[in-house]
C-alpha atoms as a PDB file:
ATOM      1  CA  MET A   1      75.624 115.332 118.078  1.00  0.00           C
ATOM      2  CA  ALA A   2      74.742 116.179 114.488  1.00  0.00           C
ATOM      3  CA  ASN A   3      71.156 116.948 113.558  1.00  0.00           C
ATOM      4  CA  HIS A   4      71.179 116.669 109.766  1.00  0.00           C
ATOM      5  CA  LYS A   5      71.387 113.463 107.821  1.00  0.00           C
ATOM      6  CA  HIS A   6      74.546 114.430 105.948  1.00  0.00           C
ATOM      7  CA  THR A   7      76.336 115.559 109.110  1.00  0.00           C
ATOM      8  CA  LYS A   8      75.450 112.281 110.823  1.00  0.00           C
ATOM      9  CA  LYS A   9      76.933 110.398 107.867  1.00  0.00           C
ATOM     10  CA  ALA A  10      80.031 112.614 107.904  1.00  0.00           C
ATOM     11  CA  HIS A  11      80.459 111.932 111.615  1.00  0.00           C
ATOM     12  CA  LYS A  12      80.266 108.165 111.022  1.00  0.00           C
ATOM     13  CA  GLN A  13      82.825 108.467 108.228  1.00  0.00           C
ATOM     14  CA  ASP A  14      85.140 110.461 110.505  1.00  0.00           C
ATOM     15  CA  ILE A  15      84.982 107.740 113.152  1.00  0.00           C
ATOM     16  CA  VAL A  16      85.829 105.019 110.612  1.00  0.00           C
ATOM     17  CA  ARG A  17      88.679 107.050 109.101  1.00  0.00           C
ATOM     18  CA  ARG A  18      90.080 107.907 112.513  1.00  0.00           C
ATOM     19  CA  ALA A  19      90.153 104.233 113.513  1.00  0.00           C
ATOM     20  CA  ARG A  20      91.818 103.258 110.228  1.00  0.00           C
ATOM     21  CA  ASN A  21      94.409 106.032 110.464  1.00  0.00           C
ATOM     22  CA  ARG A  22      95.202 105.166 114.073  1.00  0.00           C
ATOM     23  CA  SER A  23      95.814 101.511 113.241  1.00  0.00           C
ATOM     24  CA  LEU A  24      97.965 102.425 110.236  1.00  0.00           C
ATOM     25  CA  ARG A  25      99.971 104.939 112.264  1.00  0.00           C
ATOM     26  CA  THR A  26     100.504 102.351 115.009  1.00  0.00           C
ATOM     27  CA  ARG A  27     101.685  99.831 112.424  1.00  0.00           C
ATOM     28  CA  LEU A  28     104.139 102.397 111.065  1.00  0.00           C
ATOM     29  CA  ARG A  29     105.465 103.244 114.529  1.00  0.00           C
ATOM     30  CA  ARG A  30     105.967  99.560 115.350  1.00  0.00           C
ATOM     31  CA  SER A  31     107.888  99.058 112.126  1.00  0.00           C
ATOM     32  CA  LEU A  32     110.073 102.098 112.791  1.00  0.00           C
ATOM     33  CA  LYS A  33     110.764 100.951 116.333  1.00  0.00           C
ATOM     34  CA  SER A  34     111.787  97.438 115.267  1.00  0.00           C
ATOM     35  CA  LEU A  35     114.051  98.808 112.521  1.00  0.00           C
ATOM     36  CA  ARG A  36     115.723 101.266 114.880  1.00  0.00           C
ATOM     37  CA  SER A  37     116.316  98.566 117.479  1.00  0.00           C
ATOM     38  CA  ALA A  38     117.791  96.240 114.830  1.00  0.00           C
ATOM     39  CA  ILE A  39     120.151  99.003 113.705  1.00  0.00           C
ATOM     40  CA  ASP A  40     121.143  99.850 117.279  1.00  0.00           C
ATOM     41  CA  GLN A  41     121.832  96.200 118.115  1.00  0.00           C
ATOM     42  CA  GLY A  42     123.987  95.807 115.004  1.00  0.00           C
ATOM     43  CA  ASN A  43     121.850  93.164 113.257  1.00  0.00           C
ATOM     44  CA  THR A  44     122.699  94.300 109.726  1.00  0.00           C
ATOM     45  CA  ASP A  45     120.907  91.422 107.948  1.00  0.00           C
ATOM     46  CA  GLU A  46     117.738  91.941 109.942  1.00  0.00           C
ATOM     47  CA  ALA A  47     118.012  95.717 109.550  1.00  0.00           C
ATOM     48  CA  ARG A  48     118.507  95.449 105.776  1.00  0.00           C
ATOM     49  CA  SER A  49     115.344  93.402 105.323  1.00  0.00           C
ATOM     50  CA  ALA A  50     113.383  95.595 107.734  1.00  0.00           C
ATOM     51  CA  MET A  51     114.635  98.723 105.974  1.00  0.00           C
ATOM     52  CA  SER A  52     112.975  97.916 102.647  1.00  0.00           C
ATOM     53  CA  GLY A  53     109.700  96.971 104.332  1.00  0.00           C
ATOM     54  CA  THR A  54     109.683 100.069 106.503  1.00  0.00           C
ATOM     55  CA  VAL A  55     110.484 102.427 103.627  1.00  0.00           C
ATOM     56  CA  SER A  56     107.692 100.829 101.616  1.00  0.00           C
ATOM     57  CA  LEU A  57     105.309 101.266 104.545  1.00  0.00           C
ATOM     58  CA  ILE A  58     106.339 104.919 104.946  1.00  0.00           C
ATOM     59  CA  ASP A  59     105.585 105.518 101.254  1.00  0.00           C
ATOM     60  CA  LYS A  60     102.177 103.851 101.592  1.00  0.00           C
ATOM     61  CA  MET A  61     101.271 105.938 104.651  1.00  0.00           C
ATOM     62  CA  SER A  62     102.316 109.082 102.811  1.00  0.00           C
ATOM     63  CA  ALA A  63     100.238 108.139  99.756  1.00  0.00           C
ATOM     64  CA  LYS A  64      97.185 107.460 101.924  1.00  0.00           C
ATOM     65  CA  GLY A  65      97.599 110.798 103.695  1.00  0.00           C
ATOM     66  CA  VAL A  66      98.209 109.268 107.125  1.00  0.00           C
ATOM     67  CA  ILE A  67     101.492 111.181 107.362  1.00  0.00           C
ATOM     68  CA  HIS A  68     102.648 114.266 105.473  1.00  0.00           C
ATOM     69  CA  ASP A  69     104.962 113.873 102.473  1.00  0.00           C
ATOM     70  CA  ASN A  70     107.750 115.852 104.143  1.00  0.00           C
ATOM     71  CA  THR A  71     107.421 113.739 107.289  1.00  0.00           C
ATOM     72  CA  ALA A  72     107.831 110.616 105.165  1.00  0.00           C
ATOM     73  CA  ALA A  73     110.925 112.066 103.496  1.00  0.00           C
ATOM     74  CA  ARG A  74     112.381 113.007 106.880  1.00  0.00           C
ATOM     75  CA  TYR A  75     111.788 109.503 108.283  1.00  0.00           C
ATOM     76  CA  LYS A  76     113.426 107.849 105.272  1.00  0.00           C
ATOM     77  CA  SER A  77     116.383 110.217 105.317  1.00  0.00           C
ATOM     78  CA  ARG A  78     117.075 109.736 109.016  1.00  0.00           C
ATOM     79  CA  LEU A  79     116.715 105.960 108.770  1.00  0.00           C
ATOM     80  CA  ALA A  80     119.092 105.799 105.784  1.00  0.00           C
ATOM     81  CA  LYS A  81     121.636 107.924 107.643  1.00  0.00           C
ATOM     82  CA  ARG A  82     121.359 105.779 110.755  1.00  0.00           C
ATOM     83  CA  PHE A  83     121.642 102.568 108.729  1.00  0.00           C
ATOM     84  CA  ALA A  84     124.709 103.824 106.828  1.00  0.00           C
ATOM     85  CA  ALA A  85     126.424 104.872 110.047  1.00  0.00           C
ATOM     86  CA  ALA A  86     125.803 101.452 111.607  1.00  0.00           C
ATOM     87  CA  SER A  87     126.970  99.493 108.537  1.00  0.00           C
END
């Protein structure tokens, strides 16, 4: 455990950030999973509405630094390809 005041504070901040990032990452994964399943099942209306929400969520996670910018671009590209192939 940390001995100095500023390292104790930094440790607390790390714990809070880790919890926030984990919940955001889980939310993103859930959204991706539901979109992929909608595409695979052929629900184009459901997939179209989920697509915009998921892409928006990917952009938010990238802006917050939860995922890397290139990872976000890769997710969006693969989802768009998958959606176009299913449509």
